[in-house]
Amino acid sequence: MKKLMTLALAAAMMLGAATGASAIDFKAKGQWIMSFDYGMHGNFGESKAKNNSGFGKHEDEFEARQRVRLQLDAVASEALSGTVFFEMGDQIWGQDSTGGALGADGRVVELKRAYIDWMVPQTDLKVRMGIQGLALPSFTTNASQIFDDDVAAVSLNYQFDENVGLTAFWARPYNDNYGYKYNSTTGDNKNYMDNMDMFAVLLPLTFDGVKVTPWVMYAAMGPGMFNDGGTKLNGNAWDRAASGMISGAFGYDNVDTYGNSFWAGVTGEVTYWDTIRIAWDVNYGSAAYENEKMNREGWLASLLLEYKLDWGTPGLYGWYSTGDDSNPRNGSERMPVVSANGNNGFSNFAFNGNPYIAREGVLGTNMTGTWGIGARLKDVSFLEDLKHTLRVNFMGGTNAPKMAKYMRTGENGYASIDKRGVRNVYHTDFYDPMYLTTEDHALEVGLTNTYKMYDNFTVMLDVAYLALWLDDSRSTWGKNPMKGYNGGDGVYDAWNVNLSFVYSF
C-alpha cells in the first residue's frame, strides 16, 4: 500500500512539474458596440431612385447596428505568445444577411487577426507571423493615407537603443484570387502570377521631445492581379485594389501587365514644449506598369499644430495632395493607395475617422487628390468624464477641371468607364475619394461628445454635416452632375447623427 501511495505521489509530482513547465497564461480582450444612426443624403444619392432621401445606396435614414470583437492571447512567456482576434458584425438590426434578422442565425463570425509573436533567442529581435494589423507611420492623422489594414505578413522589430529602432515587414495582400491563364485542357484558370507582395523598412528615431520616422516600401504586382483570366479588370479587384493603384483614364481593359510600386515618407512630431505639439507627414508614391496609361504617381503632405490647455487642446491643420493634370493619357498624378482603412484624425465624416462604427467616408477613405484646412477644439471638458471635440474643415479638389469634362462626355478613353452604368459621372467605383476638381469645394462641421459612464463603458454622440459645391459649368461637370440625387444647382449636402454605446475590457 505504501509503495502504491509513493508511486501515486511521485506521479502527481511529475505531472505537476510538467504542467508548470508548459503553463499558458490566457488573456482576453473585447469590445461591444451598439450604434444608432440617423441621417440623409449619404454619398450624395448613390441610388438611382428619383427620390433618394436615405443615407446611401442600400440604407434607410435610420439604422441600428452592432459589432463585437474578441481577442484571446495565449502567453507562454515574454518571448512567445499567440493571438486570435474574432469579429462579429457589423450586424444591421433586422437584416438577414448580416445575422440581425429574426432568429439571428447569420454566419457573421470573422477572423480578423491570427498571429504568433516570438523572439529570436539571445537577442532582442521580435518577430510576428500571421494575419495582423499593419500600418505605415503617421503623426498628423491617426492612420496612414497609404496603408493601414489587416494583412497576412511577417514583421520584424528591433530596438538598437533608446533612440534608434528598426521595423521591417513582408506582406502579401493578394494571391490566388482571380485566376490568370486559361487552361484549355482542364478548363481552369490557373492562380499564378496574380500576387502582390509588399516589403517595407521603417526607422523610428526618438530623442528628447522629437520623434522622426523615415520609411520606404516597395510592392511587386503580377500581371494576373487585376484581371479575370483574360485581359479585363476583375470585378472583385475593382473596389479593393484597382481603385487605389491604377489610373482611371485607360478604361478597364488591357490590364494584363506587371507592375512595380514604390513609396517613401518622412513623418514626425515635436513635443519639446509641454503645451505645443507640431506634427507632419510627407508621403510620396508611384505605381508603374507596362501599360503606361495605368500609371499613378503623386505625393501627400499634412501639417498639424496643437496647443494644450487645461480645458482642451485647440489645433490647426492642413493637407495638400497632387491631383490629375489635364492629360488622361499619361496616367494619374494622384498618389497610389493600398488601403487607407484606419482612423483619420482630421475628419469623422468626410473621410474615415469615427472611432467606433458609424456612417463615415462620405467623400472617401483617403485624402489623395484633395487639399484642405481645418480647425478643431479637442477633448474640451467642463464636467468630469465628459469631453467634446469640435472640428471645421474646408476642402477642395486638386484634379484638373478638364478631366471632369472627359469623364462626363466619355472623351479620351473614359467612355468605357461610363458604360459600366455608374450612378453619376464623378463618383465612379474607380475613384476614392470622390473625384473633385480645383473648381469643387466642400465644408464639413462635426461635434463629437464622449461620456465615460463607467471605467469600461463609454457613450458617444457624434453629429456631422457636410456641404459639397460642384462646378456645373459646361467646362467641368455640366448641369446635374449627380444623377439620382434630389438636390440641384451644383450644391449637395449630407448629415448624420450617431449615438453609440461601447463596452470595452
Protein backbone atom coordinates (compact mmCIF):
# COMPACT_ATOMS: atom_id res chain seq x y z
CA MET A 1 0.00 0.00 0.00
CA LYS A 2 2.81 2.35 0.91
CA LYS A 3 4.50 1.56 -2.39
CA LEU A 4 1.32 2.40 -4.30
CA MET A 5 0.94 5.67 -2.41
CA THR A 6 4.59 6.50 -3.03
CA LEU A 7 4.22 5.81 -6.76
CA ALA A 8 1.00 7.87 -6.91
CA LEU A 9 2.66 10.78 -5.12
CA ALA A 10 5.68 10.62 -7.43
CA ALA A 11 3.41 10.58 -10.49
CA ALA A 12 1.47 13.56 -9.17
CA MET A 13 4.68 15.47 -8.56
CA MET A 14 5.92 14.69 -12.08
CA LEU A 15 2.60 15.74 -13.59
CA GLY A 16 2.64 18.95 -11.59
CA ALA A 17 6.16 19.73 -12.71
CA ALA A 18 5.26 19.07 -16.35
CA THR A 19 2.15 21.20 -16.08
CA GLY A 20 4.08 24.08 -14.53
CA ALA A 21 6.72 23.92 -17.25
CA SER A 22 4.15 24.28 -20.01
CA ALA A 23 1.69 26.59 -18.28
CA ILE A 24 -0.02 29.07 -20.62
CA ASP A 25 -1.46 32.35 -19.43
CA PHE A 26 -4.67 33.20 -21.33
CA LYS A 27 -5.64 36.85 -21.59
CA ALA A 28 -8.89 38.10 -23.10
CA LYS A 29 -9.81 41.49 -24.55
CA GLY A 30 -13.00 42.60 -26.18
CA GLN A 31 -15.38 45.33 -27.25
CA TRP A 32 -19.16 45.53 -27.71
CA ILE A 33 -20.65 48.40 -29.72
CA MET A 34 -24.33 49.25 -30.10
CA SER A 35 -24.69 52.00 -32.68
CA PHE A 36 -27.69 54.04 -33.88
CA ASP A 37 -27.55 56.31 -36.96
CA TYR A 38 -29.97 58.82 -38.41
CA GLY A 39 -29.04 60.85 -41.46
CA MET A 40 -29.78 61.84 -45.04
CA HIS A 41 -28.11 62.07 -48.46
CA GLY A 42 -25.07 59.96 -47.60
CA ASN A 43 -22.72 59.54 -50.57
CA PHE A 44 -24.99 62.11 -52.21
CA GLY A 45 -27.53 59.77 -53.72
CA GLU A 46 -25.90 56.51 -54.71
CA SER A 47 -29.33 55.14 -55.50
CA LYS A 48 -30.71 55.86 -58.97
CA ALA A 49 -34.17 56.42 -57.50
CA LYS A 50 -35.64 59.86 -58.16
CA ASN A 51 -36.44 60.46 -54.52
CA ASN A 52 -33.38 59.20 -52.72
CA SER A 53 -33.69 60.69 -49.25
CA GLY A 54 -31.90 57.93 -47.38
CA PHE A 55 -28.26 57.81 -46.38
CA GLY A 56 -26.82 55.67 -49.11
CA LYS A 57 -27.22 53.04 -51.74
CA HIS A 58 -28.92 50.41 -49.57
CA GLU A 59 -29.55 52.19 -46.28
CA ASP A 60 -32.52 53.81 -44.59
CA GLU A 61 -32.41 57.19 -42.92
CA PHE A 62 -32.41 55.42 -39.52
CA GLU A 63 -30.49 52.23 -38.86
CA ALA A 64 -29.26 50.34 -35.81
CA ARG A 65 -26.23 48.08 -35.87
CA GLN A 66 -23.79 46.35 -33.58
CA ARG A 67 -20.33 44.84 -33.58
CA VAL A 68 -18.46 42.50 -31.20
CA ARG A 69 -14.71 41.96 -31.17
CA LEU A 70 -12.99 39.31 -29.04
CA GLN A 71 -9.25 38.81 -28.74
CA LEU A 72 -7.58 35.87 -26.99
CA ASP A 73 -3.84 35.88 -26.23
CA ALA A 74 -2.11 32.63 -25.25
CA VAL A 75 1.07 33.79 -23.50
CA ALA A 76 3.75 31.17 -22.81
CA SER A 77 6.40 33.71 -21.83
CA GLU A 78 7.69 37.16 -22.72
CA ALA A 79 9.34 35.52 -25.71
CA LEU A 80 6.39 33.50 -27.07
CA SER A 81 2.65 34.09 -27.47
CA GLY A 82 -0.18 33.53 -29.90
CA THR A 83 -3.19 35.75 -30.67
CA VAL A 84 -6.53 35.13 -32.33
CA PHE A 85 -8.93 38.03 -32.93
CA PHE A 86 -12.57 37.46 -33.93
CA GLU A 87 -15.11 40.00 -35.13
CA MET A 88 -18.89 39.56 -35.25
CA GLY A 89 -20.56 42.22 -37.34
CA ASP A 90 -21.27 44.81 -38.37
CA GLN A 91 -24.77 43.44 -37.86
CA ILE A 92 -27.60 45.69 -39.01
CA TRP A 93 -30.66 45.14 -36.86
CA GLY A 94 -33.34 43.40 -38.90
CA GLN A 95 -31.04 42.49 -41.82
CA ASP A 96 -30.90 38.77 -42.59
CA SER A 97 -27.60 38.75 -44.48
CA THR A 98 -25.69 40.16 -41.51
CA GLY A 99 -27.43 37.99 -38.90
CA GLY A 100 -29.58 40.77 -37.49
CA ALA A 101 -32.99 39.48 -38.58
CA LEU A 102 -35.46 37.43 -36.57
CA GLY A 103 -33.74 34.26 -35.37
CA ALA A 104 -30.27 35.88 -35.62
CA ASP A 105 -28.73 32.84 -37.34
CA GLY A 106 -26.45 34.60 -39.80
CA ARG A 107 -22.90 33.35 -40.19
CA VAL A 108 -21.17 36.57 -39.27
CA VAL A 109 -18.12 35.44 -37.25
CA GLU A 110 -14.99 36.73 -38.99
CA LEU A 111 -11.34 36.01 -38.38
CA LYS A 112 -9.83 39.46 -38.13
CA ARG A 113 -6.32 38.56 -36.96
CA ALA A 114 -4.37 35.40 -36.11
CA TYR A 115 -0.64 35.52 -35.47
CA ILE A 116 2.23 34.36 -33.26
CA ASP A 117 4.82 36.55 -31.54
CA TRP A 118 8.27 35.22 -30.73
CA MET A 119 11.77 36.46 -30.04
CA VAL A 120 14.99 35.14 -31.54
CA PRO A 121 16.90 33.51 -28.65
CA GLN A 122 19.70 35.54 -27.06
CA THR A 123 18.61 38.67 -29.00
CA ASP A 124 16.07 41.48 -28.77
CA LEU A 125 14.68 40.76 -32.24
CA LYS A 126 10.88 40.42 -32.14
CA VAL A 127 9.04 38.50 -34.86
CA ARG A 128 5.31 38.45 -35.66
CA MET A 129 3.89 35.99 -38.19
CA GLY A 130 0.33 35.69 -39.46
CA ILE A 131 -2.68 37.86 -40.24
CA GLN A 132 -2.01 41.06 -38.31
CA GLY A 133 -2.70 44.78 -38.26
CA LEU A 134 -0.02 46.72 -40.13
CA ALA A 135 0.29 50.42 -40.88
CA LEU A 136 2.80 52.89 -42.21
CA PRO A 137 3.62 55.69 -39.76
CA SER A 138 1.52 58.85 -39.44
CA PHE A 139 1.74 61.63 -36.85
CA THR A 140 -0.85 64.15 -38.13
CA THR A 141 -3.77 61.88 -38.91
CA ASN A 142 -4.41 58.83 -36.73
CA ALA A 143 -3.74 56.49 -39.65
CA SER A 144 -1.63 56.32 -42.78
CA GLN A 145 -3.23 57.53 -46.01
CA ILE A 146 -1.37 54.80 -47.92
CA PHE A 147 -1.59 51.58 -45.94
CA ASP A 148 -3.37 50.76 -42.68
CA ASP A 149 -5.23 47.44 -42.56
CA ASP A 150 -5.19 43.77 -41.56
CA VAL A 151 -2.94 41.67 -43.80
CA ALA A 152 -1.03 38.39 -43.89
CA ALA A 153 2.59 39.26 -43.14
CA VAL A 154 5.86 38.65 -41.34
CA SER A 155 7.07 41.67 -39.39
CA LEU A 156 10.37 42.22 -37.56
CA ASN A 157 11.13 44.75 -34.84
CA TYR A 158 14.48 45.54 -33.26
CA GLN A 159 15.39 48.31 -30.81
CA PHE A 160 19.10 49.18 -31.03
CA ASP A 161 18.95 51.62 -28.10
CA GLU A 162 16.55 54.13 -26.59
CA ASN A 163 16.94 56.38 -29.64
CA VAL A 164 17.03 54.10 -32.69
CA GLY A 165 14.75 51.26 -33.72
CA LEU A 166 14.08 49.28 -36.88
CA THR A 167 10.88 47.72 -38.23
CA ALA A 168 10.62 45.68 -41.43
CA PHE A 169 7.86 43.56 -42.94
CA TRP A 170 6.87 41.43 -45.89
CA ALA A 171 3.13 41.38 -46.57
CA ARG A 172 1.00 39.57 -49.16
CA PRO A 173 -2.32 41.40 -49.66
CA TYR A 174 -3.41 39.44 -52.74
CA ASN A 175 -2.72 35.97 -54.15
CA ASP A 176 -4.72 33.13 -55.75
CA ASN A 177 -7.94 35.09 -56.04
CA TYR A 178 -8.88 35.59 -59.65
CA GLY A 179 -7.11 33.11 -61.88
CA TYR A 180 -4.80 34.17 -64.66
CA LYS A 181 -4.15 31.98 -67.68
CA TYR A 182 -6.93 29.76 -69.03
CA ASN A 183 -6.03 26.05 -69.44
CA SER A 184 -7.94 24.65 -72.41
CA THR A 185 -7.31 21.06 -71.27
CA THR A 186 -8.65 21.33 -67.74
CA GLY A 187 -10.92 24.32 -68.28
CA ASP A 188 -9.42 26.08 -65.25
CA ASN A 189 -7.90 29.48 -64.66
CA LYS A 190 -4.55 28.92 -63.01
CA ASN A 191 -3.81 31.05 -59.96
CA TYR A 192 -0.26 32.07 -60.71
CA MET A 193 1.35 35.46 -61.25
CA ASP A 194 -1.68 37.05 -59.59
CA ASN A 195 0.02 38.00 -56.33
CA MET A 196 1.02 41.30 -54.76
CA ASP A 197 3.97 41.36 -52.35
CA MET A 198 4.98 44.38 -50.27
CA PHE A 199 8.31 44.99 -48.49
CA ALA A 200 8.86 47.89 -46.10
CA VAL A 201 11.55 49.26 -43.78
CA LEU A 202 10.84 51.85 -41.06
CA LEU A 203 13.46 53.62 -38.94
CA PRO A 204 11.85 55.16 -35.82
CA LEU A 205 14.15 57.77 -34.22
CA THR A 206 13.28 59.05 -30.74
CA PHE A 207 15.02 61.93 -28.99
CA ASP A 208 14.15 64.35 -26.23
CA GLY A 209 10.92 65.97 -27.43
CA VAL A 210 11.37 64.85 -31.05
CA LYS A 211 10.24 61.76 -32.97
CA VAL A 212 11.07 61.18 -36.64
CA THR A 213 10.32 58.07 -38.72
CA PRO A 214 11.66 57.83 -42.28
CA TRP A 215 10.40 54.81 -44.21
CA VAL A 216 10.28 53.15 -47.64
CA MET A 217 8.02 50.48 -49.14
CA TYR A 218 8.12 48.52 -52.39
CA ALA A 219 5.41 46.34 -53.97
CA ALA A 220 5.65 43.86 -56.84
CA MET A 221 2.41 43.01 -58.67
CA GLY A 222 1.88 40.11 -61.05
CA PRO A 223 0.03 40.57 -64.35
CA GLY A 224 -2.85 38.43 -63.10
CA MET A 225 -3.50 40.54 -60.00
CA PHE A 226 -6.20 42.69 -61.58
CA ASN A 227 -7.66 40.64 -64.41
CA ASP A 228 -10.26 37.90 -64.66
CA GLY A 229 -8.23 35.34 -66.59
CA GLY A 230 -8.22 37.33 -69.80
CA THR A 231 -7.40 40.99 -70.29
CA LYS A 232 -10.24 42.75 -68.46
CA LEU A 233 -10.29 44.02 -64.92
CA ASN A 234 -11.78 41.56 -62.47
CA GLY A 235 -14.90 42.88 -60.71
CA ASN A 236 -13.73 41.80 -57.25
CA ALA A 237 -10.40 43.56 -57.64
CA TRP A 238 -12.02 46.75 -58.88
CA ASP A 239 -13.04 48.15 -55.47
CA ARG A 240 -10.18 46.77 -53.38
CA ALA A 241 -7.01 47.07 -55.41
CA ALA A 242 -7.57 48.91 -58.65
CA SER A 243 -9.31 51.95 -57.19
CA GLY A 244 -6.15 52.95 -55.34
CA MET A 245 -3.38 51.53 -57.52
CA ILE A 246 -4.11 52.38 -61.17
CA SER A 247 -5.29 55.36 -63.17
CA GLY A 248 -8.89 55.52 -64.31
CA ALA A 249 -8.17 57.04 -67.71
CA PHE A 250 -7.41 53.82 -69.57
CA GLY A 251 -10.85 52.29 -69.01
CA TYR A 252 -10.83 48.80 -67.59
CA ASP A 253 -9.37 46.72 -70.41
CA ASN A 254 -5.77 45.62 -71.12
CA VAL A 255 -4.72 45.17 -67.50
CA ASP A 256 -2.60 42.09 -68.25
CA THR A 257 0.64 43.75 -67.15
CA TYR A 258 3.33 43.57 -64.49
CA GLY A 259 3.52 46.42 -62.00
CA ASN A 260 6.03 47.90 -59.57
CA SER A 261 5.18 50.38 -56.83
CA PHE A 262 7.37 52.44 -54.55
CA TRP A 263 6.56 54.68 -51.62
CA ALA A 264 8.69 56.77 -49.27
CA GLY A 265 7.97 59.21 -46.49
CA VAL A 266 9.22 61.18 -43.52
CA THR A 267 6.85 61.57 -40.57
CA GLY A 268 7.42 63.06 -37.16
CA GLU A 269 6.44 65.31 -34.29
CA VAL A 270 7.97 67.85 -31.92
CA THR A 271 6.73 67.84 -28.30
CA TYR A 272 9.73 69.56 -26.72
CA TRP A 273 7.46 72.17 -25.17
CA ASP A 274 4.86 70.84 -22.73
CA THR A 275 1.93 72.69 -24.30
CA ILE A 276 2.85 72.77 -28.00
CA ARG A 277 2.82 69.88 -30.46
CA ILE A 278 3.94 70.15 -34.09
CA ALA A 279 3.44 67.11 -36.34
CA TRP A 280 3.98 66.45 -40.03
CA ASP A 281 3.62 63.71 -42.64
CA VAL A 282 5.24 63.84 -46.08
CA ASN A 283 4.44 60.85 -48.34
CA TYR A 284 5.34 60.06 -51.95
CA GLY A 285 4.28 57.12 -54.07
CA SER A 286 4.40 55.78 -57.63
CA ALA A 287 2.98 52.75 -59.42
CA ALA A 288 4.38 51.88 -62.85
CA TYR A 289 3.06 49.29 -65.34
CA GLU A 290 3.87 48.06 -68.82
CA ASN A 291 0.62 49.72 -69.85
CA GLU A 292 1.64 53.33 -69.11
CA LYS A 293 -1.95 54.57 -69.02
CA MET A 294 -2.35 52.67 -65.75
CA ASN A 295 0.49 54.54 -64.00
CA ARG A 296 -0.01 56.61 -60.84
CA GLU A 297 2.47 58.97 -59.18
CA GLY A 298 1.98 61.72 -56.62
CA TRP A 299 2.51 62.96 -53.09
CA LEU A 300 0.55 63.99 -49.99
CA ALA A 301 1.75 66.27 -47.18
CA SER A 302 0.00 67.33 -43.98
CA LEU A 303 0.84 69.57 -41.01
CA LEU A 304 -0.72 69.81 -37.53
CA LEU A 305 -0.23 72.47 -34.82
CA GLU A 306 -1.72 71.94 -31.34
CA TYR A 307 -1.66 73.94 -28.11
CA LYS A 308 -2.66 72.09 -24.95
CA LEU A 309 -4.66 73.99 -22.32
CA ASP A 310 -6.22 72.91 -19.05
CA TRP A 311 -9.70 72.75 -20.56
CA GLY A 312 -8.85 71.31 -24.01
CA THR A 313 -6.48 71.29 -26.99
CA PRO A 314 -7.05 73.79 -29.84
CA GLY A 315 -5.44 72.80 -33.14
CA LEU A 316 -4.92 73.96 -36.73
CA TYR A 317 -4.06 71.62 -39.58
CA GLY A 318 -3.92 71.35 -43.33
CA TRP A 319 -3.05 68.96 -46.15
CA TYR A 320 -2.31 69.04 -49.85
CA SER A 321 -2.16 66.21 -52.37
CA THR A 322 -1.25 66.24 -56.02
CA GLY A 323 -4.10 65.68 -58.49
CA ASP A 324 -4.52 64.67 -62.12
CA ASP A 325 -3.40 67.04 -64.85
CA SER A 326 -5.48 67.63 -67.98
CA ASN A 327 -3.86 64.80 -69.97
CA PRO A 328 -5.60 61.47 -69.27
CA ARG A 329 -3.16 59.50 -71.43
CA ASN A 330 -0.12 59.98 -69.21
CA GLY A 331 -1.55 58.14 -66.22
CA SER A 332 -2.66 59.67 -62.95
CA GLU A 333 -0.87 62.25 -60.82
CA ARG A 334 -2.59 61.03 -57.64
CA MET A 335 -0.55 59.05 -55.12
CA PRO A 336 -1.26 55.29 -55.23
CA VAL A 337 -3.00 53.86 -52.15
CA VAL A 338 -3.06 50.23 -50.96
CA SER A 339 -5.71 50.51 -48.23
CA ALA A 340 -6.31 53.56 -46.04
CA ASN A 341 -8.69 51.80 -43.69
CA GLY A 342 -7.63 53.43 -40.44
CA ASN A 343 -8.97 56.28 -38.33
CA ASN A 344 -8.44 59.67 -39.98
CA GLY A 345 -7.96 62.18 -37.17
CA PHE A 346 -8.92 65.23 -39.26
CA SER A 347 -12.43 64.11 -40.16
CA ASN A 348 -15.13 61.83 -38.72
CA PHE A 349 -17.50 62.14 -41.66
CA ALA A 350 -15.93 63.29 -44.94
CA PHE A 351 -13.24 60.61 -44.57
CA ASN A 352 -12.92 57.54 -42.33
CA GLY A 353 -12.46 58.81 -38.80
CA ASN A 354 -15.15 57.58 -36.45
CA PRO A 355 -13.53 55.77 -33.51
CA TYR A 356 -16.30 53.13 -33.33
CA ILE A 357 -18.84 52.20 -36.03
CA ALA A 358 -20.88 54.94 -37.66
CA ARG A 359 -21.58 56.34 -41.08
CA GLU A 360 -18.41 57.90 -42.44
CA GLY A 361 -16.31 58.27 -45.58
CA VAL A 362 -18.87 60.36 -47.48
CA LEU A 363 -16.09 61.65 -49.73
CA GLY A 364 -13.90 58.56 -49.45
CA THR A 365 -11.39 56.70 -47.31
CA ASN A 366 -8.26 58.74 -48.15
CA MET A 367 -7.27 62.31 -48.98
CA THR A 368 -5.47 61.84 -52.31
CA GLY A 369 -6.46 64.34 -54.98
CA THR A 370 -7.67 66.85 -52.38
CA TRP A 371 -6.47 69.77 -50.27
CA GLY A 372 -7.90 71.09 -47.04
CA ILE A 373 -7.52 73.27 -43.99
CA GLY A 374 -9.18 72.73 -40.63
CA ALA A 375 -9.51 73.84 -37.05
CA ARG A 376 -10.57 71.84 -34.04
CA LEU A 377 -11.10 72.06 -30.30
CA LYS A 378 -10.12 68.64 -28.99
CA ASP A 379 -11.11 66.99 -25.70
CA VAL A 380 -12.78 70.08 -24.25
CA SER A 381 -14.03 69.18 -20.77
CA PHE A 382 -16.02 71.23 -18.27
CA LEU A 383 -17.55 68.28 -16.41
CA GLU A 384 -15.78 65.18 -15.13
CA ASP A 385 -15.75 62.26 -17.61
CA LEU A 386 -17.47 64.36 -20.33
CA LYS A 387 -15.40 65.51 -23.34
CA HIS A 388 -16.23 67.35 -26.55
CA THR A 389 -14.37 67.75 -29.86
CA LEU A 390 -15.48 70.34 -32.43
CA ARG A 391 -13.96 70.38 -35.91
CA VAL A 392 -14.48 72.53 -39.00
CA ASN A 393 -12.89 71.57 -42.34
CA PHE A 394 -12.85 73.38 -45.68
CA MET A 395 -11.51 71.34 -48.57
CA GLY A 396 -11.36 71.07 -52.33
CA GLY A 397 -10.00 69.01 -55.20
CA THR A 398 -6.64 69.21 -56.95
CA ASN A 399 -7.64 67.47 -60.19
CA ALA A 400 -7.83 69.41 -63.45
CA PRO A 401 -11.39 70.56 -64.37
CA LYS A 402 -10.89 69.30 -67.90
CA MET A 403 -10.75 65.76 -66.55
CA ALA A 404 -14.31 66.13 -65.30
CA LYS A 405 -15.43 67.04 -68.79
CA TYR A 406 -13.71 63.96 -70.20
CA MET A 407 -15.50 61.80 -67.67
CA ARG A 408 -18.85 63.46 -68.38
CA THR A 409 -18.63 63.26 -72.16
CA GLY A 410 -16.75 59.97 -72.48
CA GLU A 411 -13.82 61.58 -74.29
CA ASN A 412 -10.21 60.39 -74.20
CA GLY A 413 -10.83 56.84 -73.04
CA TYR A 414 -13.47 57.46 -70.40
CA ALA A 415 -16.37 56.00 -72.37
CA SER A 416 -15.56 52.51 -71.18
CA ILE A 417 -15.94 53.59 -67.56
CA ASP A 418 -19.29 55.26 -68.21
CA LYS A 419 -20.54 52.08 -69.89
CA ARG A 420 -20.30 50.30 -66.54
CA GLY A 421 -23.54 52.04 -65.61
CA VAL A 422 -22.13 54.14 -62.81
CA ARG A 423 -24.60 56.19 -60.80
CA ASN A 424 -23.04 59.56 -61.58
CA VAL A 425 -20.17 60.91 -63.64
CA TYR A 426 -17.73 61.74 -60.89
CA HIS A 427 -18.20 59.13 -58.14
CA THR A 428 -17.38 56.00 -60.07
CA ASP A 429 -16.23 52.86 -58.34
CA PHE A 430 -12.77 53.75 -59.60
CA TYR A 431 -12.21 56.90 -57.57
CA ASP A 432 -11.55 57.03 -53.85
CA PRO A 433 -12.05 59.69 -52.68
CA MET A 434 -14.78 61.23 -54.81
CA TYR A 435 -13.25 62.89 -57.85
CA LEU A 436 -13.06 66.61 -57.05
CA THR A 437 -11.52 69.22 -59.35
CA THR A 438 -9.89 72.53 -58.49
CA GLU A 439 -13.33 74.14 -59.05
CA ASP A 440 -15.09 71.91 -56.45
CA HIS A 441 -15.22 72.55 -52.70
CA ALA A 442 -16.69 71.09 -49.52
CA LEU A 443 -17.33 72.24 -45.94
CA GLU A 444 -17.55 69.82 -43.01
CA VAL A 445 -18.67 70.59 -39.45
CA GLY A 446 -18.60 67.92 -36.75
CA LEU A 447 -19.13 67.67 -32.99
CA THR A 448 -18.15 64.55 -31.03
CA ASN A 449 -19.22 64.10 -27.41
CA THR A 450 -18.00 61.23 -25.22
CA TYR A 451 -19.16 60.40 -21.71
CA LYS A 452 -17.29 57.84 -19.64
CA MET A 453 -20.17 56.42 -17.62
CA TYR A 454 -18.07 53.63 -16.08
CA ASP A 455 -14.41 52.64 -16.36
CA ASN A 456 -15.22 50.28 -19.22
CA PHE A 457 -18.38 51.88 -20.61
CA THR A 458 -18.49 54.92 -22.93
CA VAL A 459 -21.42 56.70 -24.57
CA MET A 460 -20.68 58.76 -27.69
CA LEU A 461 -22.91 61.26 -29.53
CA ASP A 462 -21.48 62.36 -32.88
CA VAL A 463 -23.15 64.98 -35.10
CA ALA A 464 -21.76 65.77 -38.57
CA TYR A 465 -22.74 67.86 -41.60
CA LEU A 466 -21.06 68.23 -45.00
CA ALA A 467 -21.91 70.56 -47.88
CA LEU A 468 -20.42 69.99 -51.33
CA TRP A 469 -20.24 72.54 -54.17
CA LEU A 470 -19.59 71.17 -57.67
CA ASP A 471 -18.81 73.31 -60.69
CA ASP A 472 -21.78 72.72 -63.01
CA SER A 473 -20.39 74.72 -65.93
CA ARG A 474 -20.04 73.07 -69.33
CA SER A 475 -16.25 73.11 -68.99
CA THR A 476 -16.40 70.88 -65.91
CA TRP A 477 -19.31 68.69 -64.74
CA GLY A 478 -22.21 70.26 -66.58
CA LYS A 479 -25.75 70.50 -65.25
CA ASN A 480 -26.95 67.96 -62.67
CA PRO A 481 -23.65 66.08 -62.16
CA MET A 482 -25.26 63.82 -59.53
CA LYS A 483 -27.74 61.52 -61.21
CA GLY A 484 -30.49 60.30 -58.92
CA TYR A 485 -29.88 62.91 -56.23
CA ASN A 486 -32.79 65.19 -55.41
CA GLY A 487 -30.62 68.26 -54.89
CA GLY A 488 -29.59 70.66 -57.61
CA ASP A 489 -27.69 73.76 -58.73
CA GLY A 490 -24.37 72.10 -58.03
CA VAL A 491 -24.86 72.17 -54.24
CA TYR A 492 -25.29 68.93 -52.30
CA ASP A 493 -25.29 68.07 -48.62
CA ALA A 494 -25.20 65.14 -46.21
CA TRP A 495 -25.64 64.90 -42.45
CA ASN A 496 -25.74 62.21 -39.79
CA VAL A 497 -26.29 61.78 -36.06
CA ASN A 498 -24.75 58.76 -34.35
CA LEU A 499 -25.33 57.50 -30.82
CA SER A 500 -23.01 54.67 -29.72
CA PHE A 501 -22.75 52.63 -26.53
CA VAL A 502 -19.36 50.97 -26.11
CA TYR A 503 -18.26 48.37 -23.56
CA SER A 504 -14.54 47.58 -23.67
CA PHE A 505 -12.43 45.36 -21.46
